[in-house]
Amino acid sequence: MAQRGFHSGSRGEDAVLLAVGLADAALSRVAPVVNQAWRFLRRADTADLAGDAGADLKARGRLVLDRYAAVPPAHLEILAQRARARRGDV
């Protein structure tokens, strides 16, 4: 295919060229990631790694739930405990 200098063609031609150029740029960035994923999936210990990753995600989930789902003690309950502690009724 003969190369042309940079000149503006029709809008349709420009749109096609831009789309093809964008697709090429995207694929050149995605190809190494896909290759790395295939290498990872071909590993012999993939099942072990997936199991470890699942356990890690569950542990993270537990930590998040403990951090945000725990109900703090009632304010009046804390005051009552402090008053009992001061009186010696522990």
C-alpha atoms as a PDB file:
ATOM      1  CA  MET A   1       0.000   0.000   0.000  1.00  0.00           C
ATOM      2  CA  ALA A   2       1.441   3.328  -0.998  1.00  0.00           C
ATOM      3  CA  GLN A   3       1.877   5.801   1.818  1.00  0.00           C
ATOM      4  CA  ARG A   4       0.447   9.231   1.471  1.00  0.00           C
ATOM      5  CA  GLY A   5       1.575  12.399   3.138  1.00  0.00           C
ATOM      6  CA  PHE A   6      -0.477  13.807   5.996  1.00  0.00           C
ATOM      7  CA  HIS A   7      -3.455  15.436   4.378  1.00  0.00           C
ATOM      8  CA  SER A   8      -7.045  15.522   5.332  1.00  0.00           C
ATOM      9  CA  GLY A   9      -9.343  13.182   3.435  1.00  0.00           C
ATOM     10  CA  SER A  10     -13.076  12.919   3.777  1.00  0.00           C
ATOM     11  CA  ARG A  11     -14.582  12.872   7.256  1.00  0.00           C
ATOM     12  CA  GLY A  12     -15.511   9.224   6.862  1.00  0.00           C
ATOM     13  CA  GLU A  13     -11.984   8.287   5.860  1.00  0.00           C
ATOM     14  CA  ASP A  14     -10.552  10.286   8.755  1.00  0.00           C
ATOM     15  CA  ALA A  15     -12.930   8.582  11.192  1.00  0.00           C
ATOM     16  CA  VAL A  16     -11.954   5.130   9.935  1.00  0.00           C
ATOM     17  CA  LEU A  17      -8.257   5.937  10.148  1.00  0.00           C
ATOM     18  CA  LEU A  18      -8.635   7.295  13.674  1.00  0.00           C
ATOM     19  CA  ALA A  19     -10.632   4.228  14.763  1.00  0.00           C
ATOM     20  CA  VAL A  20      -8.070   1.834  13.283  1.00  0.00           C
ATOM     21  CA  GLY A  21      -5.194   3.762  14.848  1.00  0.00           C
ATOM     22  CA  LEU A  22      -6.929   3.761  18.230  1.00  0.00           C
ATOM     23  CA  ALA A  23      -7.648   0.033  17.987  1.00  0.00           C
ATOM     24  CA  ASP A  24      -4.014  -0.652  17.094  1.00  0.00           C
ATOM     25  CA  ALA A  25      -2.795   1.409  20.053  1.00  0.00           C
ATOM     26  CA  ALA A  26      -5.199  -0.373  22.411  1.00  0.00           C
ATOM     27  CA  LEU A  27      -4.204  -3.826  21.161  1.00  0.00           C
ATOM     28  CA  SER A  28      -0.519  -3.046  21.475  1.00  0.00           C
ATOM     29  CA  ARG A  29      -1.136  -2.219  25.161  1.00  0.00           C
ATOM     30  CA  VAL A  30      -3.420  -5.190  25.822  1.00  0.00           C
ATOM     31  CA  ALA A  31      -1.342  -7.895  24.121  1.00  0.00           C
ATOM     32  CA  PRO A  32       1.400  -8.037  26.807  1.00  0.00           C
ATOM     33  CA  VAL A  33      -1.232  -8.247  29.549  1.00  0.00           C
ATOM     34  CA  VAL A  34      -3.015 -11.112  27.782  1.00  0.00           C
ATOM     35  CA  ASN A  35       0.284 -12.934  27.239  1.00  0.00           C
ATOM     36  CA  GLN A  36       1.143 -12.580  30.915  1.00  0.00           C
ATOM     37  CA  ALA A  37      -2.290 -13.917  31.878  1.00  0.00           C
ATOM     38  CA  TRP A  38      -1.812 -16.970  29.640  1.00  0.00           C
ATOM     39  CA  ARG A  39       1.606 -17.619  31.195  1.00  0.00           C
ATOM     40  CA  PHE A  40       0.047 -17.389  34.644  1.00  0.00           C
ATOM     41  CA  LEU A  41      -2.766 -19.790  33.740  1.00  0.00           C
ATOM     42  CA  ARG A  42      -0.315 -22.367  32.376  1.00  0.00           C
ATOM     43  CA  ARG A  43       1.569 -22.574  35.659  1.00  0.00           C
ATOM     44  CA  ALA A  44       1.419 -25.892  37.491  1.00  0.00           C
ATOM     45  CA  ASP A  45       0.491 -24.338  40.821  1.00  0.00           C
ATOM     46  CA  THR A  46      -2.353 -22.180  39.516  1.00  0.00           C
ATOM     47  CA  ALA A  47      -4.947 -23.968  41.679  1.00  0.00           C
ATOM     48  CA  ASP A  48      -2.852 -23.349  44.799  1.00  0.00           C
ATOM     49  CA  LEU A  49      -2.393 -19.693  43.895  1.00  0.00           C
ATOM     50  CA  ALA A  50      -6.120 -19.289  43.265  1.00  0.00           C
ATOM     51  CA  GLY A  51      -6.891 -20.914  46.614  1.00  0.00           C
ATOM     52  CA  ASP A  52      -4.452 -18.618  48.395  1.00  0.00           C
ATOM     53  CA  ALA A  53      -5.909 -15.600  46.628  1.00  0.00           C
ATOM     54  CA  GLY A  54      -9.412 -16.654  47.678  1.00  0.00           C
ATOM     55  CA  ALA A  55      -8.317 -17.045  51.295  1.00  0.00           C
ATOM     56  CA  ASP A  56      -6.647 -13.636  51.216  1.00  0.00           C
ATOM     57  CA  LEU A  57      -9.778 -12.020  49.797  1.00  0.00           C
ATOM     58  CA  LYS A  58     -11.941 -13.651  52.478  1.00  0.00           C
ATOM     59  CA  ALA A  59      -9.582 -12.392  55.186  1.00  0.00           C
ATOM     60  CA  ARG A  60      -9.724  -8.879  53.746  1.00  0.00           C
ATOM     61  CA  GLY A  61     -13.502  -9.108  53.635  1.00  0.00           C
ATOM     62  CA  ARG A  62     -13.593 -10.138  57.297  1.00  0.00           C
ATOM     63  CA  LEU A  63     -11.385  -7.190  58.234  1.00  0.00           C
ATOM     64  CA  VAL A  64     -13.572  -4.730  56.349  1.00  0.00           C
ATOM     65  CA  LEU A  65     -16.756  -6.098  57.902  1.00  0.00           C
ATOM     66  CA  ASP A  66     -15.207  -5.984  61.356  1.00  0.00           C
ATOM     67  CA  ARG A  67     -14.132  -2.408  60.774  1.00  0.00           C
ATOM     68  CA  TYR A  68     -17.392  -1.028  59.401  1.00  0.00           C
ATOM     69  CA  ALA A  69     -20.164  -3.379  60.505  1.00  0.00           C
ATOM     70  CA  ALA A  70     -19.335  -3.544  64.195  1.00  0.00           C
ATOM     71  CA  VAL A  71     -21.888  -1.649  66.247  1.00  0.00           C
ATOM     72  CA  PRO A  72     -20.210   0.564  68.831  1.00  0.00           C
ATOM     73  CA  PRO A  73     -21.418   0.173  72.418  1.00  0.00           C
ATOM     74  CA  ALA A  74     -24.314   2.384  73.466  1.00  0.00           C
ATOM     75  CA  HIS A  75     -23.270   5.715  74.950  1.00  0.00           C
ATOM     76  CA  LEU A  76     -25.495   5.345  78.014  1.00  0.00           C
ATOM     77  CA  GLU A  77     -24.130   1.850  78.635  1.00  0.00           C
ATOM     78  CA  ILE A  78     -20.587   3.244  78.704  1.00  0.00           C
ATOM     79  CA  LEU A  79     -21.627   5.967  81.165  1.00  0.00           C
ATOM     80  CA  ALA A  80     -23.328   3.392  83.410  1.00  0.00           C
ATOM     81  CA  GLN A  81     -20.213   1.204  83.405  1.00  0.00           C
ATOM     82  CA  ARG A  82     -18.044   4.169  84.356  1.00  0.00           C
ATOM     83  CA  ALA A  83     -20.404   5.152  87.171  1.00  0.00           C
ATOM     84  CA  ARG A  84     -20.393   1.579  88.514  1.00  0.00           C
ATOM     85  CA  ALA A  85     -16.596   1.516  88.319  1.00  0.00           C
ATOM     86  CA  ARG A  86     -16.345   4.751  90.307  1.00  0.00           C
ATOM     87  CA  ARG A  87     -18.676   3.420  93.019  1.00  0.00           C
ATOM     88  CA  GLY A  88     -16.813   0.144  93.176  1.00  0.00           C
ATOM     89  CA  ASP A  89     -19.792  -1.974  92.052  1.00  0.00           C
ATOM     90  CA  VAL A  90     -17.761  -3.723  89.383  1.00  0.00           C
END
